[in-house]
């Protein structure tokens, strides 16, 4: 770049959040989100549960420094307004597994 030149930079996404939803959902895959999302929102991004999903055996896998942390998620309980603490905010790299 020459002195006095102009640099043009276009920011496509700021601090995007990549999460994964796999298993018995209608559109499994890797999702790039632009905002913080919780487990229900991640399932919605994956087009919802398919009819064969084990709705109350969903797990969120989070890689820690030296271990993987597993969070249970009971879909029916959460959508009925119970056990809402299971609807955790997801972090970059989290994997939602729907058996």
Protein backbone atom coordinates (compact mmCIF):
# COMPACT_ATOMS: atom_id res chain seq x y z
CA UNK A 1 0.00 0.00 0.00
CA UNK A 2 1.43 3.36 -0.93
CA UNK A 3 1.60 6.25 1.54
CA UNK A 4 -1.66 8.13 1.56
CA UNK A 5 -3.48 5.20 -0.06
CA UNK A 6 -6.95 4.10 0.95
CA UNK A 7 -7.81 0.80 2.58
CA UNK A 8 -11.35 -0.46 2.22
CA UNK A 9 -12.61 -3.13 4.61
CA UNK A 10 -16.06 -4.65 4.71
CA UNK A 11 -17.06 -6.51 7.87
CA UNK A 12 -19.42 -9.37 7.03
CA UNK A 13 -20.09 -10.63 10.55
CA UNK A 14 -18.93 -9.45 13.91
CA UNK A 15 -18.12 -12.11 16.47
CA UNK A 16 -20.32 -14.73 14.82
CA UNK A 17 -21.35 -17.74 16.84
CA UNK A 18 -20.94 -21.16 15.22
CA UNK A 19 -22.99 -23.96 16.73
CA UNK A 20 -23.90 -27.44 15.56
CA UNK A 21 -27.23 -29.26 15.76
CA UNK A 22 -27.07 -32.94 14.85
CA UNK A 23 -29.32 -35.96 15.05
CA UNK A 24 -33.06 -36.19 14.61
CA UNK A 25 -33.84 -32.64 13.54
CA UNK A 26 -35.28 -31.66 10.18
CA UNK A 27 -32.21 -29.71 8.99
CA UNK A 28 -29.09 -30.76 10.92
CA UNK A 29 -25.85 -28.93 10.41
CA UNK A 30 -23.54 -26.10 11.33
CA UNK A 31 -25.20 -22.77 12.01
CA UNK A 32 -23.59 -19.36 12.02
CA UNK A 33 -25.61 -17.13 14.31
CA UNK A 34 -25.28 -13.38 14.66
CA UNK A 35 -26.53 -13.21 18.23
CA UNK A 36 -26.62 -15.24 21.40
CA UNK A 37 -28.98 -18.19 21.11
CA UNK A 38 -30.36 -20.74 23.53
CA UNK A 39 -31.09 -24.43 22.96
CA UNK A 40 -34.69 -23.89 21.79
CA UNK A 41 -33.54 -21.28 19.27
CA UNK A 42 -30.85 -23.66 17.97
CA UNK A 43 -33.45 -26.40 17.50
CA UNK A 44 -35.67 -23.91 15.66
CA UNK A 45 -32.71 -22.98 13.39
CA UNK A 46 -32.44 -26.69 12.56
CA UNK A 47 -36.11 -26.65 11.47
CA UNK A 48 -37.34 -28.40 14.61
CA UNK A 49 -37.38 -31.96 15.85
CA UNK A 50 -38.35 -34.75 13.50
CA UNK A 51 -41.06 -37.22 14.59
CA UNK A 52 -38.49 -39.82 15.68
CA UNK A 53 -36.56 -37.53 18.03
CA UNK A 54 -36.18 -38.59 21.66
CA UNK A 55 -37.41 -35.21 22.85
CA UNK A 56 -36.40 -35.59 26.47
CA UNK A 57 -32.93 -37.02 25.89
CA UNK A 58 -31.36 -34.06 24.08
CA UNK A 59 -27.86 -33.13 25.20
CA UNK A 60 -25.61 -30.13 24.69
CA UNK A 61 -21.89 -30.90 24.47
CA UNK A 62 -19.46 -28.13 25.38
CA UNK A 63 -15.71 -28.55 25.14
CA UNK A 64 -13.93 -27.26 28.23
CA UNK A 65 -10.18 -26.93 28.67
CA UNK A 66 -9.58 -30.56 29.59
CA UNK A 67 -13.01 -32.14 29.40
CA UNK A 68 -16.35 -32.15 27.64
CA UNK A 69 -19.27 -30.85 29.68
CA UNK A 70 -22.69 -32.35 28.91
CA UNK A 71 -25.90 -30.45 29.66
CA UNK A 72 -29.22 -32.35 29.57
CA UNK A 73 -32.22 -30.79 27.83
CA UNK A 74 -35.75 -32.14 28.28
CA UNK A 75 -37.72 -30.57 25.45
CA UNK A 76 -41.22 -31.28 26.80
CA UNK A 77 -40.39 -29.89 30.24
CA UNK A 78 -38.90 -26.68 28.85
CA UNK A 79 -41.69 -25.92 26.37
CA UNK A 80 -44.24 -26.41 29.17
CA UNK A 81 -42.41 -23.72 31.16
CA UNK A 82 -40.74 -26.10 33.60
CA UNK A 83 -37.00 -26.58 34.07
CA UNK A 84 -36.25 -23.46 32.07
CA UNK A 85 -32.70 -23.49 33.45
CA UNK A 86 -32.01 -26.26 30.92
CA UNK A 87 -32.54 -23.79 28.07
CA UNK A 88 -28.97 -22.55 28.37
CA UNK A 89 -27.32 -19.89 26.25
CA UNK A 90 -25.03 -21.62 23.77
CA UNK A 91 -21.36 -20.79 23.33
CA UNK A 92 -19.22 -20.97 20.21
CA UNK A 93 -18.61 -24.59 19.23
CA UNK A 94 -21.42 -26.10 21.30
CA UNK A 95 -23.03 -29.20 19.81
CA UNK A 96 -26.73 -29.93 20.36
CA UNK A 97 -27.38 -33.66 19.92
CA UNK A 98 -30.92 -34.87 19.35
CA UNK A 99 -31.03 -38.69 19.56
